Amino acid sequence: AQIGRIIEHLKQLGIHENTIVVLWGDHGWKLGEHNSWCKMTNFEIDTRVPLIVKPAAKAQARQCEQLVEFVDVYPSLCELAGLPVPGQLEGTSFVPLMNGTRRSWKPAVFSQFLREGVWTAPDGVEYMGYSIRTRSYRYVRWVTWPQKQFAAEELYDLRNDPLETKNVAAVAGYQTKLKELAQQLDQGWKAAVPSIR
């Protein structure tokens, strides 16, 4: 309702068709899922957020299932506004997705969460969780912070377990995928930039 009020006001001002509107959330939030509260992990429920973009010009509404990240918002706004996209950005403009491109896109997106302060793990150790999310899997590597020593890893098969209830990192049939995703995480975001724009 509040967003509707903003849109109506933009129309009353006569600038609705010349205004880009972006709605997104800070992060996800657990309300008891995974026996937890708030955000303290890299689970899908903690990292997935709403993202709605209304370009300035009239455009056909569409839903996109491709992977995008917060770092993609700024370059997308630059492109939508007709401004040059700074070369040093880590994100990729998702305007082609808004235009319905069928080209290949990011094979993975990344997130991380530091469990420190009030979020410190029950064992009293601070951990950084580095995560990579593909269309079918989520891999998380936890390291002690600030020592950066390996502590644990998680692998979730989102095709068979979309709620991420079973860590299959130690399951024999997933070892090849585990190594592949760990390597992809090490390669970082630059290796996940779409090759075709």
N, C-alpha and C. Protein backbone atom coordinates (compact mmCIF):
# COMPACT_ATOMS: atom_id res chain seq x y z
N ALA A 1 0.82 -1.20 0.00
CA ALA A 1 0.00 0.00 0.00
C ALA A 1 0.86 1.25 0.00
N GLN A 2 1.96 1.24 0.76
CA GLN A 2 2.82 2.42 0.83
C GLN A 2 3.54 2.65 -0.50
N ILE A 3 3.94 1.57 -1.15
CA ILE A 3 4.58 1.70 -2.47
C ILE A 3 3.57 2.27 -3.46
N GLY A 4 2.34 1.82 -3.37
CA GLY A 4 1.29 2.35 -4.23
C GLY A 4 1.11 3.84 -4.04
N ARG A 5 1.21 4.30 -2.80
CA ARG A 5 1.10 5.74 -2.53
C ARG A 5 2.24 6.50 -3.22
N ILE A 6 3.44 5.94 -3.18
CA ILE A 6 4.58 6.59 -3.84
C ILE A 6 4.36 6.66 -5.34
N ILE A 7 3.93 5.54 -5.93
CA ILE A 7 3.69 5.52 -7.38
C ILE A 7 2.61 6.54 -7.75
N GLU A 8 1.54 6.58 -6.98
CA GLU A 8 0.47 7.55 -7.26
C GLU A 8 0.98 8.99 -7.17
N HIS A 9 1.84 9.25 -6.21
CA HIS A 9 2.38 10.60 -6.08
C HIS A 9 3.28 10.95 -7.27
N LEU A 10 4.08 9.97 -7.72
CA LEU A 10 4.91 10.20 -8.91
C LEU A 10 4.04 10.54 -10.11
N LYS A 11 2.90 9.87 -10.21
CA LYS A 11 1.97 10.15 -11.32
C LYS A 11 1.39 11.56 -11.18
N GLN A 12 1.00 11.92 -9.96
CA GLN A 12 0.46 13.26 -9.72
C GLN A 12 1.47 14.35 -10.06
N LEU A 13 2.74 14.08 -9.82
CA LEU A 13 3.79 15.04 -10.13
C LEU A 13 4.15 15.06 -11.61
N GLY A 14 3.63 14.08 -12.35
CA GLY A 14 3.92 13.99 -13.77
C GLY A 14 5.30 13.46 -14.10
N ILE A 15 5.91 12.74 -13.16
CA ILE A 15 7.27 12.22 -13.41
C ILE A 15 7.33 10.68 -13.36
N HIS A 16 6.17 10.04 -13.28
CA HIS A 16 6.15 8.58 -13.18
C HIS A 16 6.86 7.91 -14.36
N GLU A 17 6.62 8.41 -15.57
CA GLU A 17 7.20 7.78 -16.76
C GLU A 17 8.67 8.13 -16.94
N ASN A 18 9.20 9.01 -16.08
CA ASN A 18 10.60 9.40 -16.19
C ASN A 18 11.37 9.07 -14.91
N THR A 19 10.81 8.15 -14.11
CA THR A 19 11.42 7.81 -12.83
C THR A 19 11.63 6.30 -12.74
N ILE A 20 12.83 5.91 -12.38
CA ILE A 20 13.15 4.50 -12.14
C ILE A 20 12.82 4.21 -10.67
N VAL A 21 12.05 3.17 -10.43
CA VAL A 21 11.70 2.78 -9.07
C VAL A 21 12.30 1.41 -8.80
N VAL A 22 13.04 1.30 -7.69
CA VAL A 22 13.65 0.03 -7.31
C VAL A 22 13.21 -0.30 -5.89
N LEU A 23 12.72 -1.51 -5.71
CA LEU A 23 12.33 -2.00 -4.40
C LEU A 23 13.14 -3.26 -4.10
N TRP A 24 13.86 -3.22 -3.00
CA TRP A 24 14.58 -4.42 -2.59
C TRP A 24 14.69 -4.46 -1.09
N GLY A 25 15.02 -5.62 -0.54
CA GLY A 25 15.13 -5.77 0.90
C GLY A 25 16.58 -5.87 1.32
N ASP A 26 16.84 -5.68 2.59
CA ASP A 26 18.19 -5.73 3.13
C ASP A 26 18.74 -7.15 3.10
N HIS A 27 18.02 -8.07 3.68
CA HIS A 27 18.39 -9.49 3.67
C HIS A 27 17.17 -10.27 4.12
N GLY A 28 17.27 -11.59 4.00
CA GLY A 28 16.18 -12.43 4.45
C GLY A 28 16.14 -12.50 5.97
N TRP A 29 15.21 -13.27 6.50
CA TRP A 29 15.02 -13.30 7.94
C TRP A 29 14.38 -14.62 8.35
N LYS A 30 15.00 -15.30 9.29
CA LYS A 30 14.43 -16.54 9.80
C LYS A 30 13.49 -16.24 10.94
N LEU A 31 12.36 -16.95 10.97
CA LEU A 31 11.39 -16.86 12.06
C LEU A 31 11.20 -18.25 12.65
N GLY A 32 12.30 -18.88 12.99
CA GLY A 32 12.26 -20.23 13.56
C GLY A 32 12.77 -21.31 12.62
N GLU A 33 12.87 -21.00 11.32
CA GLU A 33 13.41 -21.97 10.37
C GLU A 33 14.84 -22.31 10.78
N HIS A 34 15.24 -23.53 10.52
CA HIS A 34 16.57 -24.03 10.88
C HIS A 34 16.84 -23.85 12.38
N ASN A 35 15.77 -23.88 13.18
CA ASN A 35 15.87 -23.71 14.64
C ASN A 35 16.63 -22.43 14.99
N SER A 36 16.35 -21.39 14.24
CA SER A 36 17.10 -20.15 14.43
C SER A 36 16.18 -18.94 14.26
N TRP A 37 16.72 -17.80 14.55
CA TRP A 37 15.98 -16.55 14.48
C TRP A 37 16.90 -15.52 13.84
N CYS A 38 16.34 -14.64 13.06
CA CYS A 38 17.10 -13.53 12.49
C CYS A 38 17.97 -14.01 11.33
N LYS A 39 19.12 -13.39 11.10
CA LYS A 39 20.04 -13.82 10.05
C LYS A 39 21.39 -14.11 10.68
N MET A 40 21.82 -15.36 10.63
CA MET A 40 23.12 -15.73 11.17
C MET A 40 23.82 -16.74 10.29
N THR A 41 23.33 -16.94 9.09
CA THR A 41 23.88 -17.98 8.22
C THR A 41 23.85 -17.51 6.77
N ASN A 42 24.16 -18.40 5.89
CA ASN A 42 24.08 -18.13 4.45
C ASN A 42 22.98 -18.97 3.80
N PHE A 43 22.01 -19.43 4.58
CA PHE A 43 20.89 -20.16 4.00
C PHE A 43 20.13 -19.28 3.03
N GLU A 44 19.39 -19.90 2.14
CA GLU A 44 18.58 -19.17 1.16
C GLU A 44 17.61 -18.20 1.86
N ILE A 45 17.02 -18.62 2.95
CA ILE A 45 16.06 -17.77 3.64
C ILE A 45 16.72 -16.51 4.20
N ASP A 46 18.04 -16.55 4.44
CA ASP A 46 18.77 -15.39 4.94
C ASP A 46 19.27 -14.49 3.81
N THR A 47 19.55 -15.07 2.67
CA THR A 47 20.20 -14.30 1.61
C THR A 47 19.26 -13.86 0.49
N ARG A 48 18.17 -14.55 0.30
CA ARG A 48 17.24 -14.20 -0.79
C ARG A 48 16.39 -13.00 -0.38
N VAL A 49 16.23 -12.07 -1.29
CA VAL A 49 15.47 -10.86 -1.00
C VAL A 49 14.59 -10.51 -2.19
N PRO A 50 13.56 -9.69 -1.95
CA PRO A 50 12.75 -9.21 -3.07
C PRO A 50 13.54 -8.18 -3.88
N LEU A 51 13.34 -8.17 -5.18
CA LEU A 51 13.93 -7.16 -6.05
C LEU A 51 12.94 -6.88 -7.16
N ILE A 52 12.40 -5.66 -7.16
CA ILE A 52 11.44 -5.24 -8.17
C ILE A 52 11.96 -3.94 -8.76
N VAL A 53 12.05 -3.89 -10.09
CA VAL A 53 12.54 -2.70 -10.78
C VAL A 53 11.51 -2.26 -11.80
N LYS A 54 11.13 -0.97 -11.73
CA LYS A 54 10.27 -0.37 -12.73
C LYS A 54 11.11 0.66 -13.48
N PRO A 55 11.45 0.37 -14.73
CA PRO A 55 12.24 1.36 -15.48
C PRO A 55 11.42 2.61 -15.74
N ALA A 56 12.11 3.68 -16.12
CA ALA A 56 11.42 4.96 -16.34
C ALA A 56 10.40 4.84 -17.47
N ALA A 57 10.78 4.22 -18.56
CA ALA A 57 9.86 4.09 -19.70
C ALA A 57 8.88 2.96 -19.44
N LYS A 58 7.78 2.97 -20.18
CA LYS A 58 6.82 1.88 -20.07
C LYS A 58 7.49 0.60 -20.53
N ALA A 59 7.33 -0.43 -19.76
CA ALA A 59 7.92 -1.72 -20.11
C ALA A 59 6.96 -2.82 -19.72
N GLN A 60 7.08 -3.93 -20.43
CA GLN A 60 6.24 -5.08 -20.12
C GLN A 60 6.72 -5.70 -18.80
N ALA A 61 5.82 -5.97 -17.90
CA ALA A 61 6.19 -6.60 -16.63
C ALA A 61 6.60 -8.05 -16.90
N ARG A 62 7.67 -8.47 -16.27
CA ARG A 62 8.13 -9.85 -16.42
C ARG A 62 8.84 -10.29 -15.15
N GLN A 63 8.78 -11.57 -14.92
CA GLN A 63 9.47 -12.16 -13.78
C GLN A 63 10.71 -12.86 -14.31
N CYS A 64 11.81 -12.72 -13.60
CA CYS A 64 13.07 -13.29 -14.04
C CYS A 64 13.55 -14.31 -13.02
N GLU A 65 13.97 -15.45 -13.48
CA GLU A 65 14.48 -16.50 -12.59
C GLU A 65 16.00 -16.55 -12.57
N GLN A 66 16.66 -15.65 -13.29
CA GLN A 66 18.13 -15.65 -13.34
C GLN A 66 18.69 -15.14 -12.02
N LEU A 67 19.94 -15.45 -11.76
CA LEU A 67 20.60 -15.05 -10.52
C LEU A 67 21.15 -13.63 -10.65
N VAL A 68 20.78 -12.77 -9.73
CA VAL A 68 21.33 -11.42 -9.66
C VAL A 68 21.70 -11.13 -8.20
N GLU A 69 22.55 -10.10 -8.01
CA GLU A 69 23.03 -9.74 -6.68
C GLU A 69 22.86 -8.25 -6.46
N PHE A 70 23.00 -7.83 -5.20
CA PHE A 70 22.90 -6.40 -4.89
C PHE A 70 23.93 -5.59 -5.67
N VAL A 71 25.12 -6.14 -5.88
CA VAL A 71 26.15 -5.40 -6.60
C VAL A 71 25.74 -5.13 -8.05
N ASP A 72 24.68 -5.79 -8.51
CA ASP A 72 24.19 -5.58 -9.88
C ASP A 72 23.23 -4.39 -9.98
N VAL A 73 22.74 -3.89 -8.84
CA VAL A 73 21.74 -2.82 -8.88
C VAL A 73 22.34 -1.53 -9.44
N TYR A 74 23.50 -1.11 -8.95
CA TYR A 74 24.08 0.16 -9.39
C TYR A 74 24.39 0.17 -10.89
N PRO A 75 25.09 -0.83 -11.43
CA PRO A 75 25.32 -0.80 -12.87
C PRO A 75 24.02 -0.86 -13.68
N SER A 76 23.01 -1.51 -13.15
CA SER A 76 21.72 -1.55 -13.84
C SER A 76 21.08 -0.17 -13.87
N LEU A 77 21.15 0.55 -12.74
CA LEU A 77 20.61 1.90 -12.69
C LEU A 77 21.37 2.82 -13.65
N CYS A 78 22.67 2.65 -13.72
CA CYS A 78 23.46 3.46 -14.66
C CYS A 78 22.97 3.24 -16.08
N GLU A 79 22.82 1.98 -16.47
CA GLU A 79 22.39 1.67 -17.83
C GLU A 79 20.97 2.18 -18.09
N LEU A 80 20.07 1.99 -17.14
CA LEU A 80 18.70 2.47 -17.31
C LEU A 80 18.64 3.99 -17.44
N ALA A 81 19.55 4.69 -16.76
CA ALA A 81 19.56 6.14 -16.80
C ALA A 81 20.39 6.69 -17.96
N GLY A 82 21.00 5.79 -18.74
CA GLY A 82 21.82 6.23 -19.87
C GLY A 82 23.16 6.79 -19.44
N LEU A 83 23.65 6.40 -18.28
CA LEU A 83 24.93 6.86 -17.77
C LEU A 83 26.00 5.80 -18.00
N PRO A 84 27.26 6.21 -18.12
CA PRO A 84 28.33 5.21 -18.28
C PRO A 84 28.45 4.36 -17.01
N VAL A 85 28.70 3.09 -17.20
CA VAL A 85 28.88 2.18 -16.07
C VAL A 85 30.36 2.16 -15.71
N PRO A 86 30.74 2.58 -14.50
CA PRO A 86 32.15 2.58 -14.12
C PRO A 86 32.76 1.19 -14.25
N GLY A 87 33.95 1.12 -14.77
CA GLY A 87 34.60 -0.16 -15.03
C GLY A 87 35.03 -0.93 -13.81
N GLN A 88 35.20 -0.27 -12.67
CA GLN A 88 35.71 -0.94 -11.48
C GLN A 88 34.63 -1.66 -10.67
N LEU A 89 33.39 -1.61 -11.11
CA LEU A 89 32.31 -2.24 -10.35
C LEU A 89 32.38 -3.76 -10.41
N GLU A 90 31.95 -4.41 -9.35
CA GLU A 90 31.90 -5.86 -9.31
C GLU A 90 30.61 -6.41 -9.90
N GLY A 91 29.60 -5.58 -9.98
CA GLY A 91 28.30 -6.03 -10.47
C GLY A 91 28.17 -5.98 -11.97
N THR A 92 27.09 -6.58 -12.46
CA THR A 92 26.76 -6.62 -13.88
C THR A 92 25.35 -6.10 -14.06
N SER A 93 25.17 -5.19 -15.00
CA SER A 93 23.83 -4.67 -15.26
C SER A 93 22.90 -5.81 -15.67
N PHE A 94 21.74 -5.88 -15.02
CA PHE A 94 20.76 -6.91 -15.38
C PHE A 94 19.69 -6.39 -16.33
N VAL A 95 19.94 -5.23 -16.94
CA VAL A 95 18.99 -4.68 -17.91
C VAL A 95 18.68 -5.67 -19.04
N PRO A 96 19.68 -6.41 -19.55
CA PRO A 96 19.33 -7.41 -20.58
C PRO A 96 18.28 -8.41 -20.10
N LEU A 97 18.31 -8.76 -18.81
CA LEU A 97 17.31 -9.68 -18.28
C LEU A 97 15.94 -9.01 -18.26
N MET A 98 15.91 -7.73 -17.94
CA MET A 98 14.64 -6.99 -17.93
C MET A 98 14.07 -6.90 -19.35
N ASN A 99 14.94 -6.93 -20.33
CA ASN A 99 14.50 -6.85 -21.73
C ASN A 99 14.19 -8.22 -22.32
N GLY A 100 14.30 -9.27 -21.49
CA GLY A 100 13.91 -10.60 -21.92
C GLY A 100 14.99 -11.39 -22.65
N THR A 101 16.25 -11.04 -22.43
CA THR A 101 17.31 -11.77 -23.12
C THR A 101 17.27 -13.26 -22.80
N ARG A 102 17.65 -14.05 -23.74
CA ARG A 102 17.75 -15.50 -23.53
C ARG A 102 19.21 -15.94 -23.52
N ARG A 103 20.10 -14.96 -23.49
CA ARG A 103 21.53 -15.28 -23.45
C ARG A 103 21.92 -15.87 -22.10
N SER A 104 23.05 -16.52 -22.06
CA SER A 104 23.52 -17.09 -20.80
C SER A 104 23.78 -15.97 -19.81
N TRP A 105 23.66 -16.29 -18.55
CA TRP A 105 23.81 -15.27 -17.52
C TRP A 105 24.75 -15.77 -16.45
N LYS A 106 24.78 -15.14 -15.32
CA LYS A 106 25.67 -15.53 -14.23
C LYS A 106 25.40 -16.97 -13.82
N PRO A 107 26.44 -17.79 -13.77
CA PRO A 107 26.24 -19.17 -13.30
C PRO A 107 26.16 -19.26 -11.78
N ALA A 108 26.55 -18.17 -11.09
CA ALA A 108 26.56 -18.22 -9.63
C ALA A 108 26.53 -16.81 -9.05
N VAL A 109 26.05 -16.73 -7.80
CA VAL A 109 26.09 -15.49 -7.03
C VAL A 109 26.73 -15.80 -5.68
N PHE A 110 27.19 -14.76 -5.00
CA PHE A 110 28.00 -14.95 -3.80
C PHE A 110 27.43 -14.16 -2.62
N SER A 111 27.63 -14.69 -1.44
CA SER A 111 27.27 -13.98 -0.22
C SER A 111 28.24 -14.40 0.88
N GLN A 112 28.25 -13.63 1.94
CA GLN A 112 29.05 -14.01 3.09
C GLN A 112 28.43 -13.41 4.34
N PHE A 113 28.69 -14.07 5.47
CA PHE A 113 28.15 -13.59 6.74
C PHE A 113 29.16 -13.87 7.82
N LEU A 114 29.48 -12.83 8.61
CA LEU A 114 30.42 -12.96 9.71
C LEU A 114 29.64 -13.15 11.01
N ARG A 115 29.88 -14.28 11.65
CA ARG A 115 29.25 -14.54 12.95
C ARG A 115 30.18 -14.03 14.03
N GLU A 116 29.92 -12.78 14.44
CA GLU A 116 30.72 -12.15 15.48
C GLU A 116 29.78 -11.39 16.42
N GLY A 117 30.33 -10.87 17.50
CA GLY A 117 29.51 -10.11 18.44
C GLY A 117 28.33 -10.92 18.94
N VAL A 118 27.12 -10.35 18.83
CA VAL A 118 25.94 -11.07 19.29
C VAL A 118 25.65 -12.30 18.44
N TRP A 119 26.25 -12.39 17.26
CA TRP A 119 26.00 -13.52 16.36
C TRP A 119 27.06 -14.61 16.50
N THR A 120 28.01 -14.46 17.43
CA THR A 120 29.06 -15.46 17.60
C THR A 120 28.44 -16.83 17.82
N ALA A 121 29.06 -17.83 17.23
CA ALA A 121 28.56 -19.21 17.33
C ALA A 121 28.55 -19.69 18.78
N PRO A 122 27.76 -20.71 19.09
CA PRO A 122 27.67 -21.23 20.47
C PRO A 122 29.02 -21.66 21.05
N ASP A 123 29.99 -22.03 20.20
CA ASP A 123 31.31 -22.44 20.71
C ASP A 123 32.19 -21.24 21.06
N GLY A 124 31.68 -20.00 20.87
CA GLY A 124 32.44 -18.80 21.22
C GLY A 124 33.43 -18.35 20.18
N VAL A 125 33.52 -19.06 19.06
CA VAL A 125 34.46 -18.73 17.99
C VAL A 125 33.75 -17.89 16.94
N GLU A 126 34.45 -16.88 16.43
CA GLU A 126 33.89 -16.08 15.34
C GLU A 126 34.20 -16.79 14.02
N TYR A 127 33.18 -16.88 13.15
CA TYR A 127 33.33 -17.55 11.85
C TYR A 127 32.83 -16.65 10.73
N MET A 128 33.51 -16.73 9.61
CA MET A 128 33.03 -16.10 8.38
C MET A 128 32.53 -17.22 7.48
N GLY A 129 31.32 -17.06 6.99
CA GLY A 129 30.76 -18.04 6.06
C GLY A 129 30.74 -17.46 4.66
N TYR A 130 31.47 -18.08 3.75
CA TYR A 130 31.50 -17.68 2.35
C TYR A 130 30.60 -18.64 1.57
N SER A 131 29.69 -18.10 0.77
CA SER A 131 28.71 -18.93 0.09
C SER A 131 28.67 -18.66 -1.40
N ILE A 132 28.44 -19.71 -2.16
CA ILE A 132 28.17 -19.60 -3.59
C ILE A 132 26.84 -20.30 -3.86
N ARG A 133 26.00 -19.63 -4.64
CA ARG A 133 24.67 -20.16 -4.96
C ARG A 133 24.55 -20.27 -6.48
N THR A 134 24.29 -21.47 -6.95
CA THR A 134 24.01 -21.69 -8.36
C THR A 134 22.51 -21.97 -8.49
N ARG A 135 22.05 -22.25 -9.67
CA ARG A 135 20.62 -22.54 -9.82
C ARG A 135 20.21 -23.81 -9.06
N SER A 136 21.15 -24.73 -8.88
CA SER A 136 20.80 -26.02 -8.29
C SER A 136 21.44 -26.31 -6.94
N TYR A 137 22.45 -25.55 -6.56
CA TYR A 137 23.19 -25.87 -5.33
C TYR A 137 23.56 -24.62 -4.55
N ARG A 138 23.79 -24.82 -3.26
CA ARG A 138 24.42 -23.80 -2.41
C ARG A 138 25.57 -24.49 -1.69
N TYR A 139 26.75 -23.87 -1.77
CA TYR A 139 27.93 -24.35 -1.06
C TYR A 139 28.38 -23.24 -0.11
N VAL A 140 28.65 -23.61 1.15
CA VAL A 140 29.11 -22.65 2.15
C VAL A 140 30.39 -23.18 2.79
N ARG A 141 31.38 -22.31 2.86
CA ARG A 141 32.63 -22.65 3.56
C ARG A 141 32.74 -21.73 4.77
N TRP A 142 32.88 -22.31 5.96
CA TRP A 142 33.07 -21.54 7.19
C TRP A 142 34.54 -21.58 7.57
N VAL A 143 35.09 -20.41 7.89
CA VAL A 143 36.48 -20.31 8.34
C VAL A 143 36.50 -19.52 9.64
N THR A 144 37.49 -19.83 10.50
CA THR A 144 37.64 -19.05 11.72
C THR A 144 38.06 -17.64 11.35
N TRP A 145 37.61 -16.69 12.17
CA TRP A 145 37.87 -15.29 11.87
C TRP A 145 38.59 -14.67 13.07
N PRO A 146 39.69 -14.02 12.92
CA PRO A 146 40.33 -13.58 11.68
C PRO A 146 41.41 -14.52 11.17
N GLN A 147 41.60 -15.69 11.79
CA GLN A 147 42.69 -16.60 11.38
C GLN A 147 42.50 -17.16 9.98
N LYS A 148 41.27 -17.21 9.52
CA LYS A 148 40.93 -17.73 8.20
C LYS A 148 41.34 -19.20 8.01
N GLN A 149 41.12 -19.98 9.05
CA GLN A 149 41.38 -21.40 8.98
C GLN A 149 40.07 -22.14 8.70
N PHE A 150 40.12 -23.12 7.81
CA PHE A 150 38.93 -23.89 7.45
C PHE A 150 38.32 -24.51 8.71
N ALA A 151 36.99 -24.38 8.82
CA ALA A 151 36.28 -24.95 9.98
C ALA A 151 35.24 -25.98 9.57
N ALA A 152 34.46 -25.69 8.52
CA ALA A 152 33.39 -26.60 8.12
C ALA A 152 32.89 -26.19 6.74
N GLU A 153 32.12 -27.08 6.13
CA GLU A 153 31.50 -26.74 4.85
C GLU A 153 30.11 -27.37 4.79
N GLU A 154 29.26 -26.73 3.99
CA GLU A 154 27.89 -27.20 3.79
C GLU A 154 27.62 -27.25 2.30
N LEU A 155 26.83 -28.22 1.89
CA LEU A 155 26.38 -28.33 0.50
C LEU A 155 24.91 -28.73 0.51
N TYR A 156 24.10 -27.96 -0.22
CA TYR A 156 22.67 -28.24 -0.30
C TYR A 156 22.28 -28.41 -1.76
N ASP A 157 21.56 -29.49 -2.03
CA ASP A 157 21.03 -29.78 -3.36
C ASP A 157 19.64 -29.16 -3.42
N LEU A 158 19.55 -27.98 -4.01
CA LEU A 158 18.30 -27.22 -4.01
C LEU A 158 17.22 -27.85 -4.87
N ARG A 159 17.59 -28.74 -5.79
CA ARG A 159 16.59 -29.43 -6.61
C ARG A 159 15.79 -30.41 -5.76
N ASN A 160 16.47 -31.10 -4.85
CA ASN A 160 15.83 -32.10 -4.00
C ASN A 160 15.54 -31.61 -2.59
N ASP A 161 16.13 -30.49 -2.21
CA ASP A 161 16.01 -29.99 -0.85
C ASP A 161 15.98 -28.46 -0.88
N PRO A 162 14.90 -27.86 -1.42
CA PRO A 162 14.86 -26.40 -1.56
C PRO A 162 14.87 -25.64 -0.23
N LEU A 163 14.52 -26.29 0.87
CA LEU A 163 14.54 -25.63 2.17
C LEU A 163 15.88 -25.79 2.88
N GLU A 164 16.83 -26.45 2.23
CA GLU A 164 18.19 -26.63 2.76
C GLU A 164 18.18 -27.26 4.15
N THR A 165 17.56 -28.42 4.24
CA THR A 165 17.46 -29.10 5.53
C THR A 165 18.49 -30.21 5.70
N LYS A 166 19.14 -30.63 4.58
CA LYS A 166 20.11 -31.72 4.67
C LYS A 166 21.43 -31.31 4.03
N ASN A 167 22.45 -31.18 4.87
CA ASN A 167 23.80 -30.88 4.39
C ASN A 167 24.38 -32.16 3.79
N VAL A 168 24.62 -32.16 2.48
CA VAL A 168 25.11 -33.37 1.80
C VAL A 168 26.61 -33.29 1.51
N ALA A 169 27.33 -32.40 2.20
CA ALA A 169 28.77 -32.24 1.95
C ALA A 169 29.55 -33.52 2.18
N ALA A 170 29.09 -34.35 3.09
CA ALA A 170 29.81 -35.59 3.39
C ALA A 170 29.24 -36.81 2.66
N VAL A 171 28.21 -36.61 1.84
CA VAL A 171 27.59 -37.73 1.12
C VAL A 171 28.45 -38.08 -0.10
N ALA A 172 28.75 -39.36 -0.26
CA ALA A 172 29.67 -39.82 -1.30
C ALA A 172 29.27 -39.35 -2.70
N GLY A 173 28.01 -39.41 -3.03
CA GLY A 173 27.57 -39.07 -4.37
C GLY A 173 27.69 -37.59 -4.72
N TYR A 174 28.05 -36.75 -3.76
CA TYR A 174 28.14 -35.30 -4.00
C TYR A 174 29.58 -34.78 -3.98
N GLN A 175 30.56 -35.65 -3.86
CA GLN A 175 31.94 -35.19 -3.70
C GLN A 175 32.46 -34.44 -4.93
N THR A 176 32.10 -34.87 -6.11
CA THR A 176 32.53 -34.16 -7.32
C THR A 176 31.93 -32.76 -7.36
N LYS A 177 30.64 -32.65 -7.07
CA LYS A 177 29.97 -31.35 -7.05
C LYS A 177 30.54 -30.46 -5.94
N LEU A 178 30.85 -31.05 -4.80
CA LEU A 178 31.44 -30.31 -3.68
C LEU A 178 32.76 -29.67 -4.10
N LYS A 179 33.62 -30.44 -4.74
CA LYS A 179 34.93 -29.92 -5.18
C LYS A 179 34.75 -28.85 -6.26
N GLU A 180 33.82 -29.08 -7.16
CA GLU A 180 33.55 -28.12 -8.24
C GLU A 180 33.10 -26.78 -7.69
N LEU A 181 32.17 -26.80 -6.73
CA LEU A 181 31.66 -25.57 -6.16
C LEU A 181 32.70 -24.88 -5.28
N ALA A 182 33.51 -25.66 -4.57
CA ALA A 182 34.58 -25.07 -3.75
C ALA A 182 35.57 -24.33 -4.66
N GLN A 183 35.88 -24.93 -5.79
CA GLN A 183 36.78 -24.28 -6.75
C GLN A 183 36.13 -23.03 -7.34
N GLN A 184 34.86 -23.11 -7.64
CA GLN A 184 34.12 -21.96 -8.18
C GLN A 184 34.08 -20.82 -7.15
N LEU A 185 33.92 -21.16 -5.89
CA LEU A 185 33.94 -20.15 -4.84
C LEU A 185 35.31 -19.48 -4.78
N ASP A 186 36.37 -20.27 -4.88
CA ASP A 186 37.72 -19.72 -4.86
C ASP A 186 37.99 -18.80 -6.05
N GLN A 187 37.41 -19.10 -7.19
CA GLN A 187 37.60 -18.27 -8.38
C GLN A 187 36.90 -16.93 -8.24
N GLY A 188 35.86 -16.87 -7.43
CA GLY A 188 35.19 -15.62 -7.11
C GLY A 188 34.28 -15.09 -8.19
N TRP A 189 33.80 -13.86 -7.95
CA TRP A 189 32.78 -13.25 -8.79
C TRP A 189 33.24 -13.00 -10.21
N LYS A 190 34.54 -12.76 -10.41
CA LYS A 190 35.02 -12.46 -11.77
C LYS A 190 34.79 -13.63 -12.71
N ALA A 191 34.87 -14.83 -12.18
CA ALA A 191 34.65 -16.02 -13.00
C ALA A 191 33.18 -16.24 -13.29
N ALA A 192 32.30 -15.52 -12.58
CA ALA A 192 30.85 -15.71 -12.76
C ALA A 192 30.22 -14.58 -13.56
N VAL A 193 31.02 -13.64 -14.07
CA VAL A 193 30.48 -12.55 -14.87
C VAL A 193 29.98 -13.14 -16.19
N PRO A 194 28.79 -12.75 -16.65
CA PRO A 194 28.30 -13.28 -17.92
C PRO A 194 29.28 -13.00 -19.05
N SER A 195 29.55 -14.02 -19.86
CA SER A 195 30.52 -13.86 -20.95
C SER A 195 29.92 -13.15 -22.14
N ILE A 196 28.60 -13.15 -22.26
CA ILE A 196 27.93 -12.49 -23.39
C ILE A 196 27.01 -11.42 -22.84
N ARG A 197 27.14 -10.22 -23.31
CA ARG A 197 26.25 -9.13 -22.89
C ARG A 197 25.32 -8.78 -24.02
